C-alpha atoms as a PDB file:
ATOM      1  CA  MET A   1     -16.356   8.594  16.195  1.00  0.00           C
ATOM      2  CA  ASN A   2     -19.979   7.614  16.353  1.00  0.00           C
ATOM      3  CA  GLU A   3     -21.582   5.468  13.672  1.00  0.00           C
ATOM      4  CA  GLU A   4     -23.938   8.188  12.436  1.00  0.00           C
ATOM      5  CA  ILE A   5     -21.040  10.492  11.535  1.00  0.00           C
ATOM      6  CA  GLN A   6     -19.099   7.628   9.972  1.00  0.00           C
ATOM      7  CA  LYS A   7     -22.125   6.750   7.855  1.00  0.00           C
ATOM      8  CA  LYS A   8     -22.262  10.309   6.416  1.00  0.00           C
ATOM      9  CA  PHE A   9     -18.654  10.057   5.219  1.00  0.00           C
ATOM     10  CA  ILE A  10     -19.119   6.526   3.894  1.00  0.00           C
ATOM     11  CA  THR A  11     -22.304   7.457   2.025  1.00  0.00           C
ATOM     12  CA  GLU A  12     -20.715  10.497   0.352  1.00  0.00           C
ATOM     13  CA  LEU A  13     -17.548   8.656  -0.642  1.00  0.00           C
ATOM     14  CA  ASP A  14     -19.531   5.657  -1.843  1.00  0.00           C
ATOM     15  CA  ALA A  15     -21.537   7.859  -4.202  1.00  0.00           C
ATOM     16  CA  VAL A  16     -18.337   9.220  -5.749  1.00  0.00           C
ATOM     17  CA  LEU A  17     -16.311   6.009  -5.904  1.00  0.00           C
ATOM     18  CA  ASN A  18     -19.191   3.875  -7.139  1.00  0.00           C
ATOM     19  CA  LYS A  19     -19.174   5.911 -10.360  1.00  0.00           C
ATOM     20  CA  LYS A  20     -15.521   4.917 -10.821  1.00  0.00           C
ATOM     21  CA  GLY A  21     -16.239   1.206 -10.508  1.00  0.00           C
ATOM     22  CA  PHE A  22     -15.343   0.767  -6.832  1.00  0.00           C
ATOM     23  CA  ARG A  23     -17.446  -1.435  -4.580  1.00  0.00           C
ATOM     24  CA  PHE A  24     -17.659  -0.882  -0.835  1.00  0.00           C
ATOM     25  CA  ILE A  25     -16.588  -3.780   1.388  1.00  0.00           C
ATOM     26  CA  LYS A  26     -18.052  -3.037   4.786  1.00  0.00           C
ATOM     27  CA  SER A  27     -15.918  -5.536   6.736  1.00  0.00           C
ATOM     28  CA  LYS A  28     -12.745  -3.782   5.529  1.00  0.00           C
ATOM     29  CA  GLN A  29     -14.158  -0.241   5.603  1.00  0.00           C
ATOM     30  CA  GLN A  30     -12.802   0.195   2.076  1.00  0.00           C
ATOM     31  CA  TRP A  31     -13.713   0.371  -1.595  1.00  0.00           C
ATOM     32  CA  GLU A  32     -12.058  -1.952  -4.109  1.00  0.00           C
ATOM     33  CA  ARG A  33     -11.876  -2.432  -7.854  1.00  0.00           C
ATOM     34  CA  LYS A  34      -9.819  -4.645 -10.129  1.00  0.00           C
ATOM     35  CA  ALA A  35      -7.063  -2.990 -12.110  1.00  0.00           C
ATOM     36  CA  LEU A  36      -4.940  -4.544 -14.815  1.00  0.00           C
ATOM     37  CA  LYS A  37      -4.739  -8.332 -14.635  1.00  0.00           C
ATOM     38  CA  SER A  38      -3.694  -8.879 -11.060  1.00  0.00           C
ATOM     39  CA  ASP A  39      -3.968  -5.616  -9.123  1.00  0.00           C
ATOM     40  CA  ILE A  40      -6.694  -4.547  -6.725  1.00  0.00           C
ATOM     41  CA  GLU A  41      -6.982  -0.796  -6.187  1.00  0.00           C
ATOM     42  CA  TRP A  42      -8.538   0.354  -2.949  1.00  0.00           C
ATOM     43  CA  VAL A  43      -9.537   3.419  -0.962  1.00  0.00           C
ATOM     44  CA  HIS A  44      -9.756   2.988   2.797  1.00  0.00           C
ATOM     45  CA  LEU A  45     -11.257   5.126   5.554  1.00  0.00           C
ATOM     46  CA  ASN A  46      -9.795   4.675   9.014  1.00  0.00           C
ATOM     47  CA  PHE A  47     -11.969   6.339  11.657  1.00  0.00           C
ATOM     48  CA  GLY A  48     -10.341   7.427  14.913  1.00  0.00           C
ATOM     49  CA  LEU A  49     -11.976   9.143  17.862  1.00  0.00           C
ATOM     50  CA  SER A  50     -12.422  12.377  15.917  1.00  0.00           C
ATOM     51  CA  VAL A  51      -9.998  12.036  12.980  1.00  0.00           C
ATOM     52  CA  ILE A  52     -10.517  10.296   9.630  1.00  0.00           C
ATOM     53  CA  ASN A  53      -7.424   8.930   7.888  1.00  0.00           C
ATOM     54  CA  PRO A  54      -8.199   8.081   4.256  1.00  0.00           C
ATOM     55  CA  SER A  55      -5.640   6.179   2.205  1.00  0.00           C
ATOM     56  CA  PHE A  56      -5.156   4.828  -1.317  1.00  0.00           C
ATOM     57  CA  GLY A  57      -3.569   1.514  -2.082  1.00  0.00           C
ATOM     58  CA  VAL A  58      -2.895  -1.234  -4.551  1.00  0.00           C
ATOM     59  CA  THR A  59      -2.551  -4.913  -3.735  1.00  0.00           C
ATOM     60  CA  TYR A  60      -0.418  -6.848  -6.206  1.00  0.00           C
ATOM     61  CA  LYS A  61      -2.350 -10.123  -6.187  1.00  0.00           C
ATOM     62  CA  ASP A  62       0.340 -11.931  -8.191  1.00  0.00           C
ATOM     63  CA  PHE A  63       2.769 -11.441  -5.265  1.00  0.00           C
ATOM     64  CA  ALA A  64       0.470 -13.138  -2.772  1.00  0.00           C
ATOM     65  CA  ARG A  65       1.291 -16.529  -4.319  1.00  0.00           C
ATOM     66  CA  LEU A  66       5.093 -16.182  -4.401  1.00  0.00           C
ATOM     67  CA  PHE A  67       5.895 -17.170  -0.824  1.00  0.00           C
ATOM     68  CA  PRO A  68       4.147 -18.995   1.995  1.00  0.00           C
ATOM     69  CA  LYS A  69       2.226 -16.625   4.279  1.00  0.00           C
ATOM     70  CA  GLU A  70       4.526 -17.393   7.224  1.00  0.00           C
ATOM     71  CA  ILE A  71       7.483 -15.789   5.406  1.00  0.00           C
ATOM     72  CA  CYS A  72       5.734 -12.419   5.812  1.00  0.00           C
ATOM     73  CA  SER A  73       6.025 -11.272   2.236  1.00  0.00           C
ATOM     74  CA  VAL A  74       4.522  -7.902   1.244  1.00  0.00           C
ATOM     75  CA  ASP A  75       2.141  -7.352  -1.659  1.00  0.00           C
ATOM     76  CA  THR A  76       0.631  -3.909  -0.992  1.00  0.00           C
ATOM     77  CA  VAL A  77       1.597  -0.288  -1.585  1.00  0.00           C
ATOM     78  CA  SER A  78      -0.315   2.658  -0.174  1.00  0.00           C
ATOM     79  CA  ARG A  79      -0.327   6.372   0.508  1.00  0.00           C
ATOM     80  CA  MET A  80      -2.161   8.374   3.145  1.00  0.00           C
ATOM     81  CA  VAL A  81      -4.289  11.219   1.785  1.00  0.00           C
ATOM     82  CA  SER A  82      -3.557  13.833   4.474  1.00  0.00           C
ATOM     83  CA  PRO A  83       0.181  14.201   3.723  1.00  0.00           C
ATOM     84  CA  ILE A  84      -0.687  14.713   0.041  1.00  0.00           C
ATOM     85  CA  THR A  85      -3.431  17.282   0.593  1.00  0.00           C
ATOM     86  CA  GLY A  86      -2.042  18.871   3.756  1.00  0.00           C
ATOM     87  CA  VAL A  87      -5.564  18.556   5.181  1.00  0.00           C
ATOM     88  CA  THR A  88      -6.464  16.769   8.387  1.00  0.00           C
ATOM     89  CA  TYR A  89      -9.946  15.321   8.126  1.00  0.00           C
ATOM     90  CA  THR A  90     -12.055  15.300  11.281  1.00  0.00           C
ATOM     91  CA  GLU A  91     -15.635  14.587  12.196  1.00  0.00           C
ATOM     92  CA  LYS A  92     -16.283  18.290  11.547  1.00  0.00           C
ATOM     93  CA  SER A  93     -14.972  18.111   7.953  1.00  0.00           C
ATOM     94  CA  ASP A  94     -17.422  18.393   5.088  1.00  0.00           C
ATOM     95  CA  PRO A  95     -18.048  14.812   3.827  1.00  0.00           C
ATOM     96  CA  LYS A  96     -18.742  16.088   0.280  1.00  0.00           C
ATOM     97  CA  LEU A  97     -15.482  18.065   0.158  1.00  0.00           C
ATOM     98  CA  MET A  98     -13.445  15.147   1.500  1.00  0.00           C
ATOM     99  CA  SER A  99     -15.066  12.785  -1.007  1.00  0.00           C
ATOM    100  CA  GLN A 100     -14.362  15.179  -3.885  1.00  0.00           C
ATOM    101  CA  GLN A 101     -10.695  15.541  -2.863  1.00  0.00           C
ATOM    102  CA  ILE A 102     -10.289  11.777  -2.591  1.00  0.00           C
ATOM    103  CA  SER A 103     -11.964  11.282  -5.972  1.00  0.00           C
ATOM    104  CA  GLU A 104      -9.682  13.810  -7.671  1.00  0.00           C
ATOM    105  CA  LEU A 105      -6.526  12.427  -6.057  1.00  0.00           C
ATOM    106  CA  SER A 106      -7.435   8.798  -6.703  1.00  0.00           C
ATOM    107  CA  ILE A 107      -6.849   9.106 -10.440  1.00  0.00           C
ATOM    108  CA  LYS A 108      -3.219  10.213 -10.111  1.00  0.00           C
ATOM    109  CA  GLU A 109      -2.323   8.263  -6.979  1.00  0.00           C
ATOM    110  CA  LEU A 110      -3.715   4.907  -8.056  1.00  0.00           C
ATOM    111  CA  VAL A 111      -2.050   5.191 -11.472  1.00  0.00           C
ATOM    112  CA  PHE A 112       1.247   5.822  -9.652  1.00  0.00           C
ATOM    113  CA  LEU A 113       0.768   2.887  -7.269  1.00  0.00           C
ATOM    114  CA  CYS A 114      -0.076   0.538 -10.165  1.00  0.00           C
ATOM    115  CA  ASP A 115       3.071   1.631 -12.037  1.00  0.00           C
ATOM    116  CA  ARG A 116       5.542  -0.826 -10.596  1.00  0.00           C
ATOM    117  CA  LEU A 117       8.586   0.892 -12.125  1.00  0.00           C
ATOM    118  CA  SER A 118       7.644   4.145 -10.412  1.00  0.00           C
ATOM    119  CA  VAL A 119       7.132   2.295  -7.152  1.00  0.00           C
ATOM    120  CA  ILE A 120      10.592   0.692  -7.523  1.00  0.00           C
ATOM    121  CA  ASN A 121      12.152   4.129  -8.021  1.00  0.00           C
ATOM    122  CA  HIS A 122      10.474   5.401  -4.870  1.00  0.00           C
ATOM    123  CA  LEU A 123      11.441   2.334  -2.819  1.00  0.00           C
ATOM    124  CA  ILE A 124      15.083   2.600  -3.922  1.00  0.00           C
ATOM    125  CA  SER A 125      15.222   6.065  -2.383  1.00  0.00           C
ATOM    126  CA  GLU A 126      16.788   6.324   1.069  1.00  0.00           C
ATOM    127  CA  GLN A 127      14.236   8.999   1.961  1.00  0.00           C
ATOM    128  CA  VAL A 128      11.459   7.402   4.009  1.00  0.00           C
ATOM    129  CA  THR A 129       8.824   9.901   2.855  1.00  0.00           C
ATOM    130  CA  ASN A 130       9.230   8.603  -0.723  1.00  0.00           C
ATOM    131  CA  TRP A 131       8.265   5.030   0.163  1.00  0.00           C
ATOM    132  CA  PRO A 132       4.691   4.066  -0.725  1.00  0.00           C
ATOM    133  CA  VAL A 133       4.658   1.435   2.019  1.00  0.00           C
ATOM    134  CA  SER A 134       3.834   1.514   5.706  1.00  0.00           C
ATOM    135  CA  SER A 135       7.301   0.782   7.084  1.00  0.00           C
ATOM    136  CA  TYR A 136      10.966  -0.022   6.555  1.00  0.00           C
ATOM    137  CA  SER A 137      10.123  -3.711   7.025  1.00  0.00           C
ATOM    138  CA  ALA A 138       7.573  -3.565   4.197  1.00  0.00           C
ATOM    139  CA  ARG A 139      10.062  -1.763   1.952  1.00  0.00           C
ATOM    140  CA  ILE A 140      12.823  -4.361   2.325  1.00  0.00           C
ATOM    141  CA  ARG A 141      10.419  -7.169   1.457  1.00  0.00           C
ATOM    142  CA  LEU A 142       8.598  -5.550  -1.449  1.00  0.00           C
ATOM    143  CA  LEU A 143      11.484  -3.947  -3.368  1.00  0.00           C
ATOM    144  CA  PRO A 144      13.251  -7.255  -4.182  1.00  0.00           C
ATOM    145  CA  LEU A 145       9.962  -8.789  -5.368  1.00  0.00           C
ATOM    146  CA  LEU A 146       9.319  -5.863  -7.682  1.00  0.00           C
ATOM    147  CA  LEU A 147      12.861  -6.032  -9.046  1.00  0.00           C
ATOM    148  CA  VAL A 148      12.511  -9.760  -9.814  1.00  0.00           C
ATOM    149  CA  GLN A 149       9.150  -9.160 -11.451  1.00  0.00           C
ATOM    150  CA  GLN A 150      10.834  -6.584 -13.716  1.00  0.00           C
ATOM    151  CA  GLY A 151      13.574  -9.084 -14.637  1.00  0.00           C
ATOM    152  CA  ASN A 152      16.328  -7.608 -12.426  1.00  0.00           C
ATOM    153  CA  ILE A 153      17.181 -10.790 -10.513  1.00  0.00           C
ATOM    154  CA  ASN A 154      20.808  -9.883  -9.773  1.00  0.00           C
ATOM    155  CA  LYS A 155      19.819  -6.451  -8.508  1.00  0.00           C
ATOM    156  CA  ALA A 156      17.111  -8.066  -6.372  1.00  0.00           C
ATOM    157  CA  LEU A 157      19.554 -10.578  -4.873  1.00  0.00           C
ATOM    158  CA  ASN A 158      22.030  -7.794  -4.102  1.00  0.00           C
ATOM    159  CA  CYS A 159      19.214  -5.816  -2.466  1.00  0.00           C
ATOM    160  CA  VAL A 160      18.167  -8.757  -0.320  1.00  0.00           C
ATOM    161  CA  LYS A 161      21.727  -9.371   0.860  1.00  0.00           C
ATOM    162  CA  LYS A 162      22.256  -5.674   1.617  1.00  0.00           C
ATOM    163  CA  PHE A 163      18.934  -5.401   3.475  1.00  0.00           C
ATOM    164  CA  ASN A 164      19.744  -8.586   5.409  1.00  0.00           C
ATOM    165  CA  ARG A 165      22.862  -6.885   6.823  1.00  0.00           C
ATOM    166  CA  GLU A 166      21.166  -3.528   7.409  1.00  0.00           C
ATOM    167  CA  SER A 167      17.932  -4.846   8.908  1.00  0.00           C
ATOM    168  CA  ILE A 168      19.405  -6.271  12.102  1.00  0.00           C
ATOM    169  CA  GLY A 169      17.606  -4.461  14.906  1.00  0.00           C
ATOM    170  CA  LYS A 170      15.428  -2.464  12.469  1.00  0.00           C
ATOM    171  CA  ASP A 171      13.066  -5.092  11.090  1.00  0.00           C
ATOM    172  CA  GLN A 172       9.742  -5.082  12.933  1.00  0.00           C
ATOM    173  CA  PHE A 173       8.096  -8.046  11.205  1.00  0.00           C
ATOM    174  CA  LEU A 174       8.017 -11.632  12.372  1.00  0.00           C
ATOM    175  CA  PRO A 175       9.554 -13.820  11.251  1.00  0.00           C
ATOM    176  CA  ASN A 176      12.584 -11.594  10.824  1.00  0.00           C
ATOM    177  CA  TYR A 177      14.151 -10.637   7.535  1.00  0.00           C
ATOM    178  CA  GLY A 178      16.542 -13.590   7.648  1.00  0.00           C
ATOM    179  CA  SER A 179      13.615 -15.947   6.996  1.00  0.00           C
ATOM    180  CA  PHE A 180      12.562 -13.860   4.010  1.00  0.00           C
ATOM    181  CA  THR A 181      16.178 -13.773   2.770  1.00  0.00           C
ATOM    182  CA  ASP A 182      16.556 -17.554   3.018  1.00  0.00           C
ATOM    183  CA  SER A 183      13.357 -18.160   1.046  1.00  0.00           C
ATOM    184  CA  PHE A 184      14.116 -15.482  -1.532  1.00  0.00           C
ATOM    185  CA  VAL A 185      17.696 -16.646  -2.164  1.00  0.00           C
ATOM    186  CA  GLY A 186      16.528 -20.278  -2.244  1.00  0.00           C
ATOM    187  CA  ILE A 187      14.116 -19.474  -5.065  1.00  0.00           C
ATOM    188  CA  TYR A 188      16.043 -16.928  -7.130  1.00  0.00           C
ATOM    189  CA  ASP A 189      19.749 -17.659  -6.583  1.00  0.00           C
ATOM    190  CA  ALA A 190      19.881 -20.860  -8.600  1.00  0.00           C
END
């Protein structure tokens, strides 16, 4: 998609999100604002050749410090807008309409993604469409962290051990889930 078209969508969405306290970060092609003590809410636009894929997300900044980066921990939840609205956004879409839909959805979706208990309930589900993460690999890393954060250490340890068995051949992250398991158990199974 050419830069002129992208700029129209960015300008319209910026006008709407700016009023809600979001600031555009050009290098990430997303808007961010602080929420609660340690969460960063964001709205991202991913431009394809002719399709625009907006998404909402929350980064749990307190999780970023729990493990070394090389363990491949997960600290972000997100949802794509199109599956929620049933609308595919293209270069021919009305930038004002898309911005309005994103603005209206952001209230409900970002509240949900900041509610860690709700996120836990969705990650516990076996139904992939319920997971507010990008993949199975993200799910099996984030759910135990959320459970520990909520004080459910035994449940988290059981989850990690179960996922360690189930993830063989399914985990797409490097290092594999065994590295995450070893670190997690080393910290929380005292």
